[in-house]
Amino acid sequence: MTETHTGTMSVAKVTISIDQSLLKRLDSLVRSHVFPNRSDVIQQALEEKIARIDSTRLARECAKLHPAEEQALTDEGIAVEVAQWPEY
């Protein structure tokens, strides 16, 4: 891996293996000016995939919660707070 700096962004050069048919599709995107070069296609695809993984991770963690237990904890916390509120 080789690191270089372009403008304010630090980039690292990596070597990857890619399926021949996928590479042809990638090159077609570059030839049709959808992307300026292979690196931009791959970088954007990785960014989008990682963002999707991050967003689904939150959903998976939320799915682990038990609504009744969460509500009980909330109610308990509110009950304690209400008892400490001054009377008006």
C-alpha atoms as a PDB file:
ATOM      1  CA  MET A   1       0.000   0.000   0.000  1.00  0.00           C
ATOM      2  CA  THR A   2       1.352   3.405  -0.998  1.00  0.00           C
ATOM      3  CA  GLU A   3       0.062   6.633   0.525  1.00  0.00           C
ATOM      4  CA  THR A   4      -0.139   9.887  -1.416  1.00  0.00           C
ATOM      5  CA  HIS A   5      -1.713  13.268  -0.789  1.00  0.00           C
ATOM      6  CA  THR A   6      -4.039  14.967  -3.255  1.00  0.00           C
ATOM      7  CA  GLY A   7      -5.154  18.389  -2.146  1.00  0.00           C
ATOM      8  CA  THR A   8      -6.440  17.948   1.412  1.00  0.00           C
ATOM      9  CA  MET A   9      -7.246  14.252   1.057  1.00  0.00           C
ATOM     10  CA  SER A  10      -4.757  11.536   1.938  1.00  0.00           C
ATOM     11  CA  VAL A  11      -5.121   8.514  -0.323  1.00  0.00           C
ATOM     12  CA  ALA A  12      -3.570   5.064  -0.317  1.00  0.00           C
ATOM     13  CA  LYS A  13      -2.893   3.021  -3.429  1.00  0.00           C
ATOM     14  CA  VAL A  14      -3.975  -0.604  -3.159  1.00  0.00           C
ATOM     15  CA  THR A  15      -3.995  -3.542  -5.518  1.00  0.00           C
ATOM     16  CA  ILE A  16      -7.209  -5.541  -5.844  1.00  0.00           C
ATOM     17  CA  SER A  17      -8.376  -8.531  -7.829  1.00  0.00           C
ATOM     18  CA  ILE A  18     -11.686  -8.092  -9.606  1.00  0.00           C
ATOM     19  CA  ASP A  19     -13.866 -10.311 -11.751  1.00  0.00           C
ATOM     20  CA  GLN A  20     -13.236  -9.728 -15.473  1.00  0.00           C
ATOM     21  CA  SER A  21     -16.907  -9.066 -16.310  1.00  0.00           C
ATOM     22  CA  LEU A  22     -17.214  -6.591 -13.443  1.00  0.00           C
ATOM     23  CA  LEU A  23     -14.086  -4.806 -14.648  1.00  0.00           C
ATOM     24  CA  LYS A  24     -15.597  -4.492 -18.138  1.00  0.00           C
ATOM     25  CA  ARG A  25     -18.723  -2.911 -16.636  1.00  0.00           C
ATOM     26  CA  LEU A  26     -16.586  -0.571 -14.534  1.00  0.00           C
ATOM     27  CA  ASP A  27     -14.574   0.486 -17.597  1.00  0.00           C
ATOM     28  CA  SER A  28     -17.799   1.064 -19.495  1.00  0.00           C
ATOM     29  CA  LEU A  29     -18.884   3.555 -16.819  1.00  0.00           C
ATOM     30  CA  VAL A  30     -15.574   5.361 -17.169  1.00  0.00           C
ATOM     31  CA  ARG A  31     -15.757   5.409 -20.993  1.00  0.00           C
ATOM     32  CA  SER A  32     -19.292   6.818 -20.864  1.00  0.00           C
ATOM     33  CA  HIS A  33     -18.069   9.565 -18.476  1.00  0.00           C
ATOM     34  CA  VAL A  34     -20.265   8.477 -15.570  1.00  0.00           C
ATOM     35  CA  PHE A  35     -17.017   8.486 -13.556  1.00  0.00           C
ATOM     36  CA  PRO A  36     -13.665  10.067 -14.418  1.00  0.00           C
ATOM     37  CA  ASN A  37     -11.626   6.943 -13.611  1.00  0.00           C
ATOM     38  CA  ARG A  38     -11.658   3.484 -12.023  1.00  0.00           C
ATOM     39  CA  SER A  39     -10.490   4.766  -8.657  1.00  0.00           C
ATOM     40  CA  ASP A  40     -13.472   7.102  -8.325  1.00  0.00           C
ATOM     41  CA  VAL A  41     -15.914   4.296  -9.189  1.00  0.00           C
ATOM     42  CA  ILE A  42     -14.414   1.952  -6.610  1.00  0.00           C
ATOM     43  CA  GLN A  43     -14.068   4.621  -3.912  1.00  0.00           C
ATOM     44  CA  GLN A  44     -17.684   5.760  -4.277  1.00  0.00           C
ATOM     45  CA  ALA A  45     -18.938   2.154  -4.287  1.00  0.00           C
ATOM     46  CA  LEU A  46     -17.000   1.408  -1.092  1.00  0.00           C
ATOM     47  CA  GLU A  47     -18.249   4.572   0.608  1.00  0.00           C
ATOM     48  CA  GLU A  48     -21.857   3.706  -0.248  1.00  0.00           C
ATOM     49  CA  LYS A  49     -21.474   0.088   0.894  1.00  0.00           C
ATOM     50  CA  ILE A  50     -19.887   1.094   4.198  1.00  0.00           C
ATOM     51  CA  ALA A  51     -22.614   3.716   4.783  1.00  0.00           C
ATOM     52  CA  ARG A  52     -25.262   1.036   4.126  1.00  0.00           C
ATOM     53  CA  ILE A  53     -23.560  -1.342   6.576  1.00  0.00           C
ATOM     54  CA  ASP A  54     -23.398   1.400   9.210  1.00  0.00           C
ATOM     55  CA  SER A  55     -27.089   2.253   8.814  1.00  0.00           C
ATOM     56  CA  THR A  56     -28.199  -1.376   8.956  1.00  0.00           C
ATOM     57  CA  ARG A  57     -26.021  -1.920  12.035  1.00  0.00           C
ATOM     58  CA  LEU A  58     -28.125   0.670  13.877  1.00  0.00           C
ATOM     59  CA  ALA A  59     -31.305  -1.068  12.734  1.00  0.00           C
ATOM     60  CA  ARG A  60     -29.959  -4.456  13.901  1.00  0.00           C
ATOM     61  CA  GLU A  61     -29.058  -3.040  17.312  1.00  0.00           C
ATOM     62  CA  CYS A  62     -32.482  -1.414  17.648  1.00  0.00           C
ATOM     63  CA  ALA A  63     -34.138  -4.726  16.752  1.00  0.00           C
ATOM     64  CA  LYS A  64     -32.434  -6.275  19.791  1.00  0.00           C
ATOM     65  CA  LEU A  65     -34.322  -3.934  22.116  1.00  0.00           C
ATOM     66  CA  HIS A  66     -37.447  -5.190  23.868  1.00  0.00           C
ATOM     67  CA  PRO A  67     -40.120  -2.477  23.685  1.00  0.00           C
ATOM     68  CA  ALA A  68     -41.826  -3.474  26.949  1.00  0.00           C
ATOM     69  CA  GLU A  69     -38.528  -3.449  28.861  1.00  0.00           C
ATOM     70  CA  GLU A  70     -37.507  -0.118  27.327  1.00  0.00           C
ATOM     71  CA  GLN A  71     -40.890   1.378  28.226  1.00  0.00           C
ATOM     72  CA  ALA A  72     -40.582   0.091  31.811  1.00  0.00           C
ATOM     73  CA  LEU A  73     -37.140   1.684  32.135  1.00  0.00           C
ATOM     74  CA  THR A  74     -38.474   4.945  30.722  1.00  0.00           C
ATOM     75  CA  ASP A  75     -41.471   4.914  33.063  1.00  0.00           C
ATOM     76  CA  GLU A  76     -39.221   4.176  36.028  1.00  0.00           C
ATOM     77  CA  GLY A  77     -36.910   7.049  35.118  1.00  0.00           C
ATOM     78  CA  ILE A  78     -39.823   9.459  34.668  1.00  0.00           C
ATOM     79  CA  ALA A  79     -41.384   8.366  37.975  1.00  0.00           C
ATOM     80  CA  VAL A  80     -38.141   9.154  39.795  1.00  0.00           C
ATOM     81  CA  GLU A  81     -37.864  12.523  38.055  1.00  0.00           C
ATOM     82  CA  VAL A  82     -41.506  13.441  38.722  1.00  0.00           C
ATOM     83  CA  ALA A  83     -41.011  12.786  42.427  1.00  0.00           C
ATOM     84  CA  GLN A  84     -38.175  15.325  42.412  1.00  0.00           C
ATOM     85  CA  TRP A  85     -40.084  18.047  40.547  1.00  0.00           C
ATOM     86  CA  PRO A  86     -41.144  21.017  42.690  1.00  0.00           C
ATOM     87  CA  GLU A  87     -44.853  21.568  43.191  1.00  0.00           C
ATOM     88  CA  TYR A  88     -46.427  24.543  41.445  1.00  0.00           C
END
